[in-house]
PDB file of N, CA and C in Angstrom:
ATOM      1  N   GLN A   1     -53.645 -22.264 -54.307  1.00  0.00           N
ATOM      2  CA  GLN A   1     -53.927 -22.281 -55.745  1.00  0.00           C
ATOM      3  C   GLN A   1     -54.467 -23.655 -56.122  1.00  0.00           C
ATOM      4  N   LEU A   2     -55.473 -23.660 -56.946  1.00  0.00           N
ATOM      5  CA  LEU A   2     -56.117 -24.903 -57.359  1.00  0.00           C
ATOM      6  C   LEU A   2     -55.403 -25.460 -58.587  1.00  0.00           C
ATOM      7  N   ASN A   3     -55.029 -26.714 -58.510  1.00  0.00           N
ATOM      8  CA  ASN A   3     -54.431 -27.352 -59.684  1.00  0.00           C
ATOM      9  C   ASN A   3     -55.549 -27.770 -60.621  1.00  0.00           C
ATOM     10  N   TYR A   4     -55.403 -27.414 -61.879  1.00  0.00           N
ATOM     11  CA  TYR A   4     -56.367 -27.912 -62.854  1.00  0.00           C
ATOM     12  C   TYR A   4     -56.039 -29.374 -63.034  1.00  0.00           C
ATOM     13  N   GLY A   5     -56.989 -30.104 -63.492  1.00  0.00           N
ATOM     14  CA  GLY A   5     -56.740 -31.514 -63.670  1.00  0.00           C
ATOM     15  C   GLY A   5     -57.749 -32.311 -62.903  1.00  0.00           C
ATOM     16  N   GLU A   6     -57.294 -33.420 -62.338  1.00  0.00           N
ATOM     17  CA  GLU A   6     -58.241 -34.344 -61.753  1.00  0.00           C
ATOM     18  C   GLU A   6     -58.354 -34.191 -60.247  1.00  0.00           C
ATOM     19  N   ILE A   7     -59.597 -34.280 -59.780  1.00  0.00           N
ATOM     20  CA  ILE A   7     -59.884 -34.276 -58.353  1.00  0.00           C
ATOM     21  C   ILE A   7     -60.590 -35.586 -58.062  1.00  0.00           C
ATOM     22  N   LYS A   8     -60.124 -36.274 -57.044  1.00  0.00           N
ATOM     23  CA  LYS A   8     -60.739 -37.548 -56.658  1.00  0.00           C
ATOM     24  C   LYS A   8     -62.050 -37.254 -55.931  1.00  0.00           C
ATOM     25  N   ILE A   9     -63.139 -37.885 -56.359  1.00  0.00           N
ATOM     26  CA  ILE A   9     -64.441 -37.649 -55.722  1.00  0.00           C
ATOM     27  C   ILE A   9     -65.066 -38.930 -55.178  1.00  0.00           C
ATOM     28  N   GLY A  10     -64.371 -39.986 -55.276  1.00  0.00           N
ATOM     29  CA  GLY A  10     -64.887 -41.262 -54.774  1.00  0.00           C
ATOM     30  C   GLY A  10     -63.735 -42.232 -54.743  1.00  0.00           C
ATOM     31  N   LYS A  11     -64.056 -43.475 -54.493  1.00  0.00           N
ATOM     32  CA  LYS A  11     -63.001 -44.479 -54.416  1.00  0.00           C
ATOM     33  C   LYS A  11     -62.214 -44.547 -55.719  1.00  0.00           C
ATOM     34  N   ASP A  12     -62.936 -44.636 -56.818  1.00  0.00           N
ATOM     35  CA  ASP A  12     -62.263 -44.759 -58.123  1.00  0.00           C
ATOM     36  C   ASP A  12     -62.766 -43.732 -59.126  1.00  0.00           C
ATOM     37  N   ARG A  13     -63.323 -42.612 -58.629  1.00  0.00           N
ATOM     38  CA  ARG A  13     -63.880 -41.622 -59.552  1.00  0.00           C
ATOM     39  C   ARG A  13     -63.116 -40.309 -59.450  1.00  0.00           C
ATOM     40  N   TYR A  14     -62.920 -39.715 -60.599  1.00  0.00           N
ATOM     41  CA  TYR A  14     -62.238 -38.426 -60.675  1.00  0.00           C
ATOM     42  C   TYR A  14     -63.044 -37.497 -61.557  1.00  0.00           C
ATOM     43  N   ILE A  15     -62.931 -36.193 -61.305  1.00  0.00           N
ATOM     44  CA  ILE A  15     -63.484 -35.222 -62.234  1.00  0.00           C
ATOM     45  C   ILE A  15     -62.344 -34.321 -62.666  1.00  0.00           C
ATOM     46  N   THR A  16     -62.460 -33.812 -63.867  1.00  0.00           N
ATOM     47  CA  THR A  16     -61.424 -32.944 -64.409  1.00  0.00           C
ATOM     48  C   THR A  16     -61.870 -31.501 -64.312  1.00  0.00           C
ATOM     49  N   LEU A  17     -60.985 -30.651 -63.820  1.00  0.00           N
ATOM     50  CA  LEU A  17     -61.271 -29.222 -63.720  1.00  0.00           C
ATOM     51  C   LEU A  17     -60.501 -28.463 -64.781  1.00  0.00           C
ATOM     52  N   THR A  18     -61.202 -27.572 -65.458  1.00  0.00           N
ATOM     53  CA  THR A  18     -60.564 -26.702 -66.442  1.00  0.00           C
ATOM     54  C   THR A  18     -60.310 -25.340 -65.809  1.00  0.00           C
ATOM     55  N   ALA A  19     -59.632 -24.473 -66.530  1.00  0.00           N
ATOM     56  CA  ALA A  19     -59.393 -23.114 -66.036  1.00  0.00           C
ATOM     57  C   ALA A  19     -60.721 -22.389 -65.816  1.00  0.00           C
ATOM     58  N   SER A  20     -61.688 -22.593 -66.698  1.00  0.00           N
ATOM     59  CA  SER A  20     -62.974 -21.911 -66.527  1.00  0.00           C
ATOM     60  C   SER A  20     -63.737 -22.478 -65.328  1.00  0.00           C
ATOM     61  N   ASP A  21     -63.573 -23.766 -65.033  1.00  0.00           N
ATOM     62  CA  ASP A  21     -64.172 -24.344 -63.824  1.00  0.00           C
ATOM     63  C   ASP A  21     -63.574 -23.675 -62.584  1.00  0.00           C
ATOM     64  N   ALA A  22     -62.262 -23.510 -62.579  1.00  0.00           N
ATOM     65  CA  ALA A  22     -61.579 -22.880 -61.442  1.00  0.00           C
ATOM     66  C   ALA A  22     -62.057 -21.446 -61.262  1.00  0.00           C
ATOM     67  N   HIS A  23     -62.278 -20.754 -62.377  1.00  0.00           N
ATOM     68  CA  HIS A  23     -62.782 -19.380 -62.317  1.00  0.00           C
ATOM     69  C   HIS A  23     -64.197 -19.361 -61.716  1.00  0.00           C
ATOM     70  N   ALA A  24     -65.025 -20.330 -62.114  1.00  0.00           N
ATOM     71  CA  ALA A  24     -66.401 -20.431 -61.592  1.00  0.00           C
ATOM     72  C   ALA A  24     -66.383 -20.715 -60.093  1.00  0.00           C
ATOM     73  N   ILE A  25     -65.452 -21.525 -59.641  1.00  0.00           N
ATOM     74  CA  ILE A  25     -65.337 -21.848 -58.213  1.00  0.00           C
ATOM     75  C   ILE A  25     -64.944 -20.600 -57.431  1.00  0.00           C
ATOM     76  N   GLN A  26     -64.025 -19.816 -57.975  1.00  0.00           N
ATOM     77  CA  GLN A  26     -63.624 -18.558 -57.338  1.00  0.00           C
ATOM     78  C   GLN A  26     -64.824 -17.607 -57.268  1.00  0.00           C
ATOM     79  N   LYS A  27     -65.587 -17.557 -58.366  1.00  0.00           N
ATOM     80  CA  LYS A  27     -66.763 -16.688 -58.408  1.00  0.00           C
ATOM     81  C   LYS A  27     -67.797 -17.130 -57.369  1.00  0.00           C
ATOM     82  N   ALA A  28     -67.967 -18.434 -57.199  1.00  0.00           N
ATOM     83  CA  ALA A  28     -68.892 -18.963 -56.192  1.00  0.00           C
ATOM     84  C   ALA A  28     -68.456 -18.518 -54.795  1.00  0.00           C
ATOM     85  N   HIS A  29     -67.171 -18.576 -54.529  1.00  0.00           N
ATOM     86  CA  HIS A  29     -66.640 -18.139 -53.233  1.00  0.00           C
ATOM     87  C   HIS A  29     -66.915 -16.650 -53.033  1.00  0.00           C
ATOM     88  N   ASP A  30     -66.715 -15.855 -54.074  1.00  0.00           N
ATOM     89  CA  ASP A  30     -66.985 -14.416 -54.003  1.00  0.00           C
ATOM     90  C   ASP A  30     -68.460 -14.146 -53.704  1.00  0.00           C
ATOM     91  N   ILE A  31     -69.345 -14.886 -54.367  1.00  0.00           N
ATOM     92  CA  ILE A  31     -70.788 -14.722 -54.150  1.00  0.00           C
ATOM     93  C   ILE A  31     -71.134 -15.049 -52.700  1.00  0.00           C
ATOM     94  N   LEU A  32     -70.567 -16.135 -52.175  1.00  0.00           N
ATOM     95  CA  LEU A  32     -70.852 -16.522 -50.789  1.00  0.00           C
ATOM     96  C   LEU A  32     -70.351 -15.456 -49.815  1.00  0.00           C
ATOM     97  N   THR A  33     -69.251 -14.831 -50.144  1.00  0.00           N
ATOM     98  CA  THR A  33     -68.709 -13.777 -49.285  1.00  0.00           C
ATOM     99  C   THR A  33     -69.590 -12.525 -49.344  1.00  0.00           C
ATOM    100  N   GLU A  34     -69.989 -12.150 -50.559  1.00  0.00           N
ATOM    101  CA  GLU A  34     -70.825 -10.955 -50.742  1.00  0.00           C
ATOM    102  C   GLU A  34     -72.226 -11.147 -50.168  1.00  0.00           C
ATOM    103  N   GLU A  35     -72.747 -12.351 -50.282  1.00  0.00           N
ATOM    104  CA  GLU A  35     -74.113 -12.650 -49.830  1.00  0.00           C
ATOM    105  C   GLU A  35     -74.098 -13.402 -48.509  1.00  0.00           C
ATOM    106  N   ALA A  36     -73.133 -13.096 -47.651  1.00  0.00           N
ATOM    107  CA  ALA A  36     -72.928 -13.848 -46.409  1.00  0.00           C
ATOM    108  C   ALA A  36     -74.183 -13.928 -45.549  1.00  0.00           C
ATOM    109  N   CYS A  37     -74.940 -12.855 -45.482  1.00  0.00           N
ATOM    110  CA  CYS A  37     -76.138 -12.833 -44.627  1.00  0.00           C
ATOM    111  C   CYS A  37     -77.313 -13.595 -45.231  1.00  0.00           C
ATOM    112  N   ASN A  38     -77.303 -13.751 -46.538  1.00  0.00           N
ATOM    113  CA  ASN A  38     -78.408 -14.419 -47.215  1.00  0.00           C
ATOM    114  C   ASN A  38     -77.860 -15.260 -48.374  1.00  0.00           C
ATOM    115  N   PRO A  39     -77.116 -16.319 -48.051  1.00  0.00           N
ATOM    116  CA  PRO A  39     -76.461 -17.092 -49.115  1.00  0.00           C
ATOM    117  C   PRO A  39     -77.452 -17.875 -49.969  1.00  0.00           C
ATOM    118  N   PRO A  40     -77.124 -18.033 -51.249  1.00  0.00           N
ATOM    119  CA  PRO A  40     -77.977 -18.853 -52.123  1.00  0.00           C
ATOM    120  C   PRO A  40     -77.805 -20.331 -51.746  1.00  0.00           C
ATOM    121  N   THR A  41     -78.734 -21.147 -52.167  1.00  0.00           N
ATOM    122  CA  THR A  41     -78.570 -22.589 -51.980  1.00  0.00           C
ATOM    123  C   THR A  41     -77.442 -23.057 -52.898  1.00  0.00           C
ATOM    124  N   ILE A  42     -76.941 -24.243 -52.642  1.00  0.00           N
ATOM    125  CA  ILE A  42     -75.869 -24.785 -53.496  1.00  0.00           C
ATOM    126  C   ILE A  42     -76.390 -24.964 -54.915  1.00  0.00           C
ATOM    127  N   LYS A  43     -77.633 -25.391 -55.038  1.00  0.00           N
ATOM    128  CA  LYS A  43     -78.247 -25.558 -56.366  1.00  0.00           C
ATOM    129  C   LYS A  43     -78.285 -24.215 -57.107  1.00  0.00           C
ATOM    130  N   ALA A  44     -78.741 -23.168 -56.421  1.00  0.00           N
ATOM    131  CA  ALA A  44     -78.797 -21.835 -57.034  1.00  0.00           C
ATOM    132  C   ALA A  44     -77.399 -21.323 -57.351  1.00  0.00           C
ATOM    133  N   LEU A  45     -76.474 -21.561 -56.444  1.00  0.00           N
ATOM    134  CA  LEU A  45     -75.093 -21.123 -56.652  1.00  0.00           C
ATOM    135  C   LEU A  45     -74.489 -21.782 -57.886  1.00  0.00           C
ATOM    136  N   SER A  46     -74.746 -23.066 -58.075  1.00  0.00           N
ATOM    137  CA  SER A  46     -74.193 -23.768 -59.238  1.00  0.00           C
ATOM    138  C   SER A  46     -74.760 -23.188 -60.539  1.00  0.00           C
ATOM    139  N   LYS A  47     -76.027 -22.778 -60.513  1.00  0.00           N
ATOM    140  CA  LYS A  47     -76.619 -22.140 -61.701  1.00  0.00           C
ATOM    141  C   LYS A  47     -76.019 -20.754 -61.939  1.00  0.00           C
ATOM    142  N   MET A  48     -75.749 -20.022 -60.848  1.00  0.00           N
ATOM    143  CA  MET A  48     -75.201 -18.670 -60.972  1.00  0.00           C
ATOM    144  C   MET A  48     -73.814 -18.679 -61.617  1.00  0.00           C
ATOM    145  N   VAL A  49     -73.036 -19.730 -61.343  1.00  0.00           N
ATOM    146  CA  VAL A  49     -71.663 -19.781 -61.874  1.00  0.00           C
ATOM    147  C   VAL A  49     -71.529 -20.764 -63.046  1.00  0.00           C
ATOM    148  N   PHE A  50     -72.653 -21.314 -63.483  1.00  0.00           N
ATOM    149  CA  PHE A  50     -72.692 -22.221 -64.640  1.00  0.00           C
ATOM    150  C   PHE A  50     -71.768 -23.432 -64.480  1.00  0.00           C
ATOM    151  N   LEU A  51     -71.898 -24.088 -63.326  1.00  0.00           N
ATOM    152  CA  LEU A  51     -71.083 -25.271 -63.056  1.00  0.00           C
ATOM    153  C   LEU A  51     -71.973 -26.288 -62.347  1.00  0.00           C
ATOM    154  N   ASN A  52     -71.876 -27.563 -62.734  1.00  0.00           N
ATOM    155  CA  ASN A  52     -72.758 -28.529 -62.082  1.00  0.00           C
ATOM    156  C   ASN A  52     -72.379 -28.670 -60.606  1.00  0.00           C
ATOM    157  N   GLU A  53     -73.363 -29.075 -59.815  1.00  0.00           N
ATOM    158  CA  GLU A  53     -73.196 -29.100 -58.355  1.00  0.00           C
ATOM    159  C   GLU A  53     -72.035 -29.976 -57.907  1.00  0.00           C
ATOM    160  N   GLN A  54     -71.905 -31.140 -58.532  1.00  0.00           N
ATOM    161  CA  GLN A  54     -70.841 -32.064 -58.119  1.00  0.00           C
ATOM    162  C   GLN A  54     -69.458 -31.448 -58.341  1.00  0.00           C
ATOM    163  N   LYS A  55     -69.269 -30.843 -59.495  1.00  0.00           N
ATOM    164  CA  LYS A  55     -67.980 -30.221 -59.806  1.00  0.00           C
ATOM    165  C   LYS A  55     -67.728 -29.018 -58.900  1.00  0.00           C
ATOM    166  N   LEU A  56     -68.785 -28.245 -58.647  1.00  0.00           N
ATOM    167  CA  LEU A  56     -68.659 -27.083 -57.776  1.00  0.00           C
ATOM    168  C   LEU A  56     -68.255 -27.513 -56.366  1.00  0.00           C
ATOM    169  N   LYS A  57     -68.936 -28.506 -55.813  1.00  0.00           N
ATOM    170  CA  LYS A  57     -68.636 -28.972 -54.454  1.00  0.00           C
ATOM    171  C   LYS A  57     -67.221 -29.534 -54.367  1.00  0.00           C
ATOM    172  N   ALA A  58     -66.856 -30.382 -55.315  1.00  0.00           N
ATOM    173  CA  ALA A  58     -65.530 -31.018 -55.286  1.00  0.00           C
ATOM    174  C   ALA A  58     -64.425 -29.981 -55.470  1.00  0.00           C
ATOM    175  N   GLY A  59     -64.611 -29.083 -56.436  1.00  0.00           N
ATOM    176  CA  GLY A  59     -63.611 -28.055 -56.692  1.00  0.00           C
ATOM    177  C   GLY A  59     -63.485 -27.082 -55.534  1.00  0.00           C
ATOM    178  N   PHE A  60     -64.599 -26.720 -54.948  1.00  0.00           N
ATOM    179  CA  PHE A  60     -64.606 -25.793 -53.808  1.00  0.00           C
ATOM    180  C   PHE A  60     -63.839 -26.403 -52.637  1.00  0.00           C
ATOM    181  N   SER A  61     -64.127 -27.661 -52.349  1.00  0.00           N
ATOM    182  CA  SER A  61     -63.428 -28.352 -51.254  1.00  0.00           C
ATOM    183  C   SER A  61     -61.936 -28.465 -51.522  1.00  0.00           C
ATOM    184  N   ALA A  62     -61.574 -28.738 -52.769  1.00  0.00           N
ATOM    185  CA  ALA A  62     -60.155 -28.870 -53.115  1.00  0.00           C
ATOM    186  C   ALA A  62     -59.430 -27.537 -52.975  1.00  0.00           C
ATOM    187  N   LYS A  63     -60.082 -26.456 -53.383  1.00  0.00           N
ATOM    188  CA  LYS A  63     -59.428 -25.147 -53.343  1.00  0.00           C
ATOM    189  C   LYS A  63     -59.421 -24.527 -51.946  1.00  0.00           C
ATOM    190  N   TYR A  64     -60.553 -24.607 -51.253  1.00  0.00           N
ATOM    191  CA  TYR A  64     -60.682 -23.900 -49.973  1.00  0.00           C
ATOM    192  C   TYR A  64     -60.573 -24.823 -48.759  1.00  0.00           C
ATOM    193  N   HIS A  65     -60.368 -26.121 -48.988  1.00  0.00           N
ATOM    194  CA  HIS A  65     -60.213 -27.099 -47.914  1.00  0.00           C
ATOM    195  C   HIS A  65     -61.389 -27.078 -46.940  1.00  0.00           C
ATOM    196  N   MET A  66     -62.549 -26.751 -47.475  1.00  0.00           N
ATOM    197  CA  MET A  66     -63.768 -26.717 -46.668  1.00  0.00           C
ATOM    198  C   MET A  66     -64.959 -26.840 -47.612  1.00  0.00           C
ATOM    199  N   SER A  67     -66.025 -27.447 -47.111  1.00  0.00           N
ATOM    200  CA  SER A  67     -67.209 -27.574 -47.957  1.00  0.00           C
ATOM    201  C   SER A  67     -67.904 -26.220 -48.103  1.00  0.00           C
ATOM    202  N   ILE A  68     -68.729 -26.116 -49.130  1.00  0.00           N
ATOM    203  CA  ILE A  68     -69.509 -24.893 -49.349  1.00  0.00           C
ATOM    204  C   ILE A  68     -70.393 -24.643 -48.119  1.00  0.00           C
ATOM    205  N   ARG A  69     -71.004 -25.699 -47.613  1.00  0.00           N
ATOM    206  CA  ARG A  69     -71.886 -25.574 -46.449  1.00  0.00           C
ATOM    207  C   ARG A  69     -71.166 -24.973 -45.241  1.00  0.00           C
ATOM    208  N   MET A  70     -69.949 -25.453 -44.976  1.00  0.00           N
ATOM    209  CA  MET A  70     -69.209 -24.956 -43.813  1.00  0.00           C
ATOM    210  C   MET A  70     -68.741 -23.509 -44.029  1.00  0.00           C
ATOM    211  N   THR A  71     -68.469 -23.151 -45.262  1.00  0.00           N
ATOM    212  CA  THR A  71     -68.124 -21.763 -45.573  1.00  0.00           C
ATOM    213  C   THR A  71     -69.333 -20.870 -45.317  1.00  0.00           C
ATOM    214  N   MET A  72     -70.508 -21.336 -45.750  1.00  0.00           N
ATOM    215  CA  MET A  72     -71.735 -20.586 -45.506  1.00  0.00           C
ATOM    216  C   MET A  72     -71.994 -20.469 -44.000  1.00  0.00           C
ATOM    217  N   ALA A  73     -71.736 -21.552 -43.270  1.00  0.00           N
ATOM    218  CA  ALA A  73     -71.935 -21.546 -41.816  1.00  0.00           C
ATOM    219  C   ALA A  73     -71.033 -20.504 -41.160  1.00  0.00           C
ATOM    220  N   GLU A  74     -69.757 -20.490 -41.554  1.00  0.00           N
ATOM    221  CA  GLU A  74     -68.819 -19.493 -41.016  1.00  0.00           C
ATOM    222  C   GLU A  74     -69.334 -18.081 -41.254  1.00  0.00           C
ATOM    223  N   ASN A  75     -69.748 -17.822 -42.492  1.00  0.00           N
ATOM    224  CA  ASN A  75     -70.235 -16.485 -42.846  1.00  0.00           C
ATOM    225  C   ASN A  75     -71.463 -16.097 -42.027  1.00  0.00           C
ATOM    226  N   LEU A  76     -72.412 -17.022 -41.898  1.00  0.00           N
ATOM    227  CA  LEU A  76     -73.641 -16.728 -41.142  1.00  0.00           C
ATOM    228  C   LEU A  76     -73.338 -16.501 -39.659  1.00  0.00           C
ATOM    229  N   LEU A  77     -72.430 -17.280 -39.112  1.00  0.00           N
ATOM    230  CA  LEU A  77     -72.064 -17.115 -37.700  1.00  0.00           C
ATOM    231  C   LEU A  77     -71.356 -15.788 -37.461  1.00  0.00           C
ATOM    232  N   SER A  78     -70.589 -15.347 -38.451  1.00  0.00           N
ATOM    233  CA  SER A  78     -69.803 -14.116 -38.307  1.00  0.00           C
ATOM    234  C   SER A  78     -70.609 -12.849 -38.585  1.00  0.00           C
ATOM    235  N   THR A  79     -71.648 -12.961 -39.413  1.00  0.00           N
ATOM    236  CA  THR A  79     -72.312 -11.741 -39.893  1.00  0.00           C
ATOM    237  C   THR A  79     -73.768 -11.592 -39.476  1.00  0.00           C
ATOM    238  N   THR A  80     -74.340 -12.615 -38.825  1.00  0.00           N
ATOM    239  CA  THR A  80     -75.752 -12.520 -38.434  1.00  0.00           C
ATOM    240  C   THR A  80     -75.917 -12.869 -36.951  1.00  0.00           C
ATOM    241  N   ASP A  81     -77.095 -12.594 -36.439  1.00  0.00           N
ATOM    242  CA  ASP A  81     -77.441 -12.992 -35.077  1.00  0.00           C
ATOM    243  C   ASP A  81     -78.382 -14.188 -35.088  1.00  0.00           C
ATOM    244  N   LEU A  82     -78.462 -14.881 -36.214  1.00  0.00           N
ATOM    245  CA  LEU A  82     -79.327 -16.055 -36.304  1.00  0.00           C
ATOM    246  C   LEU A  82     -78.906 -17.085 -35.259  1.00  0.00           C
ATOM    247  N   SER A  83     -79.876 -17.807 -34.734  1.00  0.00           N
ATOM    248  CA  SER A  83     -79.546 -18.860 -33.771  1.00  0.00           C
ATOM    249  C   SER A  83     -78.871 -20.022 -34.504  1.00  0.00           C
ATOM    250  N   ILE A  84     -78.223 -20.878 -33.728  1.00  0.00           N
ATOM    251  CA  ILE A  84     -77.574 -22.067 -34.298  1.00  0.00           C
ATOM    252  C   ILE A  84     -78.633 -22.925 -34.997  1.00  0.00           C
ATOM    253  N   ASP A  85     -79.812 -23.048 -34.385  1.00  0.00           N
ATOM    254  CA  ASP A  85     -80.906 -23.816 -34.998  1.00  0.00           C
ATOM    255  C   ASP A  85     -81.306 -23.228 -36.350  1.00  0.00           C
ATOM    256  N   GLU A  86     -81.429 -21.893 -36.413  1.00  0.00           N
ATOM    257  CA  GLU A  86     -81.829 -21.235 -37.669  1.00  0.00           C
ATOM    258  C   GLU A  86     -80.760 -21.416 -38.749  1.00  0.00           C
ATOM    259  N   ILE A  87     -79.512 -21.312 -38.367  1.00  0.00           N
ATOM    260  CA  ILE A  87     -78.410 -21.502 -39.334  1.00  0.00           C
ATOM    261  C   ILE A  87     -78.417 -22.944 -39.827  1.00  0.00           C
ATOM    262  N   ALA A  88     -78.559 -23.884 -38.921  1.00  0.00           N
ATOM    263  CA  ALA A  88     -78.597 -25.303 -39.304  1.00  0.00           C
ATOM    264  C   ALA A  88     -79.716 -25.557 -40.307  1.00  0.00           C
ATOM    265  N   LYS A  89     -80.895 -25.006 -40.016  1.00  0.00           N
ATOM    266  CA  LYS A  89     -82.051 -25.174 -40.899  1.00  0.00           C
ATOM    267  C   LYS A  89     -81.781 -24.547 -42.269  1.00  0.00           C
ATOM    268  N   GLN A  90     -81.206 -23.344 -42.271  1.00  0.00           N
ATOM    269  CA  GLN A  90     -80.924 -22.647 -43.524  1.00  0.00           C
ATOM    270  C   GLN A  90     -79.920 -23.420 -44.386  1.00  0.00           C
ATOM    271  N   LEU A  91     -79.015 -24.147 -43.729  1.00  0.00           N
ATOM    272  CA  LEU A  91     -78.013 -24.917 -44.459  1.00  0.00           C
ATOM    273  C   LEU A  91     -78.500 -26.313 -44.844  1.00  0.00           C
ATOM    274  N   GLY A  92     -79.745 -26.625 -44.474  1.00  0.00           N
ATOM    275  CA  GLY A  92     -80.329 -27.888 -44.901  1.00  0.00           C
ATOM    276  C   GLY A  92     -80.168 -29.038 -43.926  1.00  0.00           C
ATOM    277  N   TYR A  93     -79.758 -28.753 -42.707  1.00  0.00           N
ATOM    278  CA  TYR A  93     -79.678 -29.815 -41.699  1.00  0.00           C
ATOM    279  C   TYR A  93     -81.043 -29.982 -41.051  1.00  0.00           C
ATOM    280  N   ASN A  94     -81.500 -31.220 -40.906  1.00  0.00           N
ATOM    281  CA  ASN A  94     -82.769 -31.489 -40.237  1.00  0.00           C
ATOM    282  C   ASN A  94     -82.630 -31.350 -38.727  1.00  0.00           C
ATOM    283  N   TYR A  95     -81.444 -31.614 -38.228  1.00  0.00           N
ATOM    284  CA  TYR A  95     -81.187 -31.544 -36.791  1.00  0.00           C
ATOM    285  C   TYR A  95     -79.969 -30.662 -36.539  1.00  0.00           C
ATOM    286  N   SER A  96     -80.126 -29.683 -35.658  1.00  0.00           N
ATOM    287  CA  SER A  96     -79.009 -28.782 -35.391  1.00  0.00           C
ATOM    288  C   SER A  96     -77.837 -29.528 -34.758  1.00  0.00           C
ATOM    289  N   SER A  97     -78.113 -30.634 -34.064  1.00  0.00           N
ATOM    290  CA  SER A  97     -77.014 -31.408 -33.460  1.00  0.00           C
ATOM    291  C   SER A  97     -76.082 -31.965 -34.541  1.00  0.00           C
ATOM    292  N   ASN A  98     -76.634 -32.359 -35.687  1.00  0.00           N
ATOM    293  CA  ASN A  98     -75.794 -32.838 -36.800  1.00  0.00           C
ATOM    294  C   ASN A  98     -74.921 -31.709 -37.338  1.00  0.00           C
ATOM    295  N   PHE A  99     -75.513 -30.514 -37.429  1.00  0.00           N
ATOM    296  CA  PHE A  99     -74.755 -29.344 -37.874  1.00  0.00           C
ATOM    297  C   PHE A  99     -73.613 -29.047 -36.898  1.00  0.00           C
ATOM    298  N   VAL A 100     -73.920 -29.043 -35.610  1.00  0.00           N
ATOM    299  CA  VAL A 100     -72.902 -28.743 -34.591  1.00  0.00           C
ATOM    300  C   VAL A 100     -71.761 -29.765 -34.678  1.00  0.00           C
ATOM    301  N   LYS A 101     -72.122 -31.036 -34.822  1.00  0.00           N
ATOM    302  CA  LYS A 101     -71.112 -32.106 -34.931  1.00  0.00           C
ATOM    303  C   LYS A 101     -70.196 -31.886 -36.134  1.00  0.00           C
ATOM    304  N   MET A 102     -70.810 -31.592 -37.287  1.00  0.00           N
ATOM    305  CA  MET A 102     -70.027 -31.400 -38.511  1.00  0.00           C
ATOM    306  C   MET A 102     -69.161 -30.150 -38.409  1.00  0.00           C
ATOM    307  N   PHE A 103     -69.715 -29.081 -37.844  1.00  0.00           N
ATOM    308  CA  PHE A 103     -68.959 -27.841 -37.689  1.00  0.00           C
ATOM    309  C   PHE A 103     -67.757 -28.069 -36.778  1.00  0.00           C
ATOM    310  N   LYS A 104     -67.985 -28.784 -35.683  1.00  0.00           N
ATOM    311  CA  LYS A 104     -66.898 -29.048 -34.730  1.00  0.00           C
ATOM    312  C   LYS A 104     -65.818 -29.920 -35.368  1.00  0.00           C
ATOM    313  N   LYS A 105     -66.247 -30.885 -36.170  1.00  0.00           N
ATOM    314  CA  LYS A 105     -65.296 -31.759 -36.865  1.00  0.00           C
ATOM    315  C   LYS A 105     -64.424 -30.937 -37.828  1.00  0.00           C
ATOM    316  N   THR A 106     -65.039 -29.972 -38.499  1.00  0.00           N
ATOM    317  CA  THR A 106     -64.321 -29.143 -39.479  1.00  0.00           C
ATOM    318  C   THR A 106     -63.444 -28.094 -38.808  1.00  0.00           C
ATOM    319  N   HIS A 107     -63.963 -27.440 -37.781  1.00  0.00           N
ATOM    320  CA  HIS A 107     -63.289 -26.278 -37.190  1.00  0.00           C
ATOM    321  C   HIS A 107     -62.612 -26.539 -35.851  1.00  0.00           C
ATOM    322  N   GLY A 108     -62.895 -27.681 -35.238  1.00  0.00           N
ATOM    323  CA  GLY A 108     -62.298 -27.979 -33.946  1.00  0.00           C
ATOM    324  C   GLY A 108     -62.961 -27.244 -32.790  1.00  0.00           C
ATOM    325  N   LYS A 109     -64.073 -26.581 -33.078  1.00  0.00           N
ATOM    326  CA  LYS A 109     -64.825 -25.883 -32.022  1.00  0.00           C
ATOM    327  C   LYS A 109     -66.285 -25.830 -32.416  1.00  0.00           C
ATOM    328  N   THR A 110     -67.132 -25.597 -31.443  1.00  0.00           N
ATOM    329  CA  THR A 110     -68.566 -25.527 -31.719  1.00  0.00           C
ATOM    330  C   THR A 110     -68.893 -24.217 -32.442  1.00  0.00           C
ATOM    331  N   PRO A 111     -70.050 -24.159 -33.092  1.00  0.00           N
ATOM    332  CA  PRO A 111     -70.454 -22.906 -33.741  1.00  0.00           C
ATOM    333  C   PRO A 111     -70.517 -21.733 -32.758  1.00  0.00           C
ATOM    334  N   LEU A 112     -70.973 -22.005 -31.543  1.00  0.00           N
ATOM    335  CA  LEU A 112     -71.072 -20.941 -30.539  1.00  0.00           C
ATOM    336  C   LEU A 112     -69.690 -20.410 -30.147  1.00  0.00           C
ATOM    337  N   ALA A 113     -68.738 -21.323 -29.942  1.00  0.00           N
ATOM    338  CA  ALA A 113     -67.369 -20.922 -29.610  1.00  0.00           C
ATOM    339  C   ALA A 113     -66.756 -20.138 -30.772  1.00  0.00           C
ATOM    340  N   PHE A 114     -67.029 -20.576 -32.005  1.00  0.00           N
ATOM    341  CA  PHE A 114     -66.531 -19.877 -33.195  1.00  0.00           C
ATOM    342  C   PHE A 114     -67.089 -18.458 -33.240  1.00  0.00           C
ATOM    343  N   ARG A 115     -68.382 -18.324 -32.990  1.00  0.00           N
ATOM    344  CA  ARG A 115     -69.039 -17.004 -33.022  1.00  0.00           C
ATOM    345  C   ARG A 115     -68.438 -16.084 -31.975  1.00  0.00           C
ATOM    346  N   LYS A 116     -68.194 -16.591 -30.778  1.00  0.00           N
ATOM    347  CA  LYS A 116     -67.625 -15.775 -29.695  1.00  0.00           C
ATOM    348  C   LYS A 116     -66.236 -15.278 -30.064  1.00  0.00           C
ATOM    349  N   LEU A 117     -65.458 -16.112 -30.729  1.00  0.00           N
ATOM    350  CA  LEU A 117     -64.109 -15.702 -31.156  1.00  0.00           C
ATOM    351  C   LEU A 117     -64.156 -14.635 -32.230  1.00  0.00           C
ATOM    352  N   LYS A 118     -65.173 -14.692 -33.079  1.00  0.00           N
ATOM    353  CA  LYS A 118     -65.291 -13.764 -34.206  1.00  0.00           C
ATOM    354  C   LYS A 118     -65.796 -12.385 -33.759  1.00  0.00           C
ATOM    355  N   ASN A 119     -66.499 -12.321 -32.640  1.00  0.00           N
ATOM    356  CA  ASN A 119     -67.067 -11.033 -32.170  1.00  0.00           C
ATOM    357  C   ASN A 119     -66.158 -10.342 -31.183  1.00  0.00           C
TER     358      ASN A 119
END
């Protein structure tokens, strides 16, 4: 459950989440789940749920303990046959090695190992 109130987003910066912000974050998660094969960009997602990108990213991470990007990566790995390179590109990584590194840091396994476990 997400606590309304302040979320730390920097060394000395906080943002405040309201109940409607929390609802928008839940809706964003639902959209990512429903559109797993073809997720919207973070910019488009923030417009769909009427929440600015910074608040959406911070609130999403606080509630789901994972970034929006990594949630999208999980969904794409689980529901598509896209290559790791294609998924990395779709998520905005210039180099798939950076994507693999970040995914491994978040999940403790490579995207390929994650995909094998899911199938």
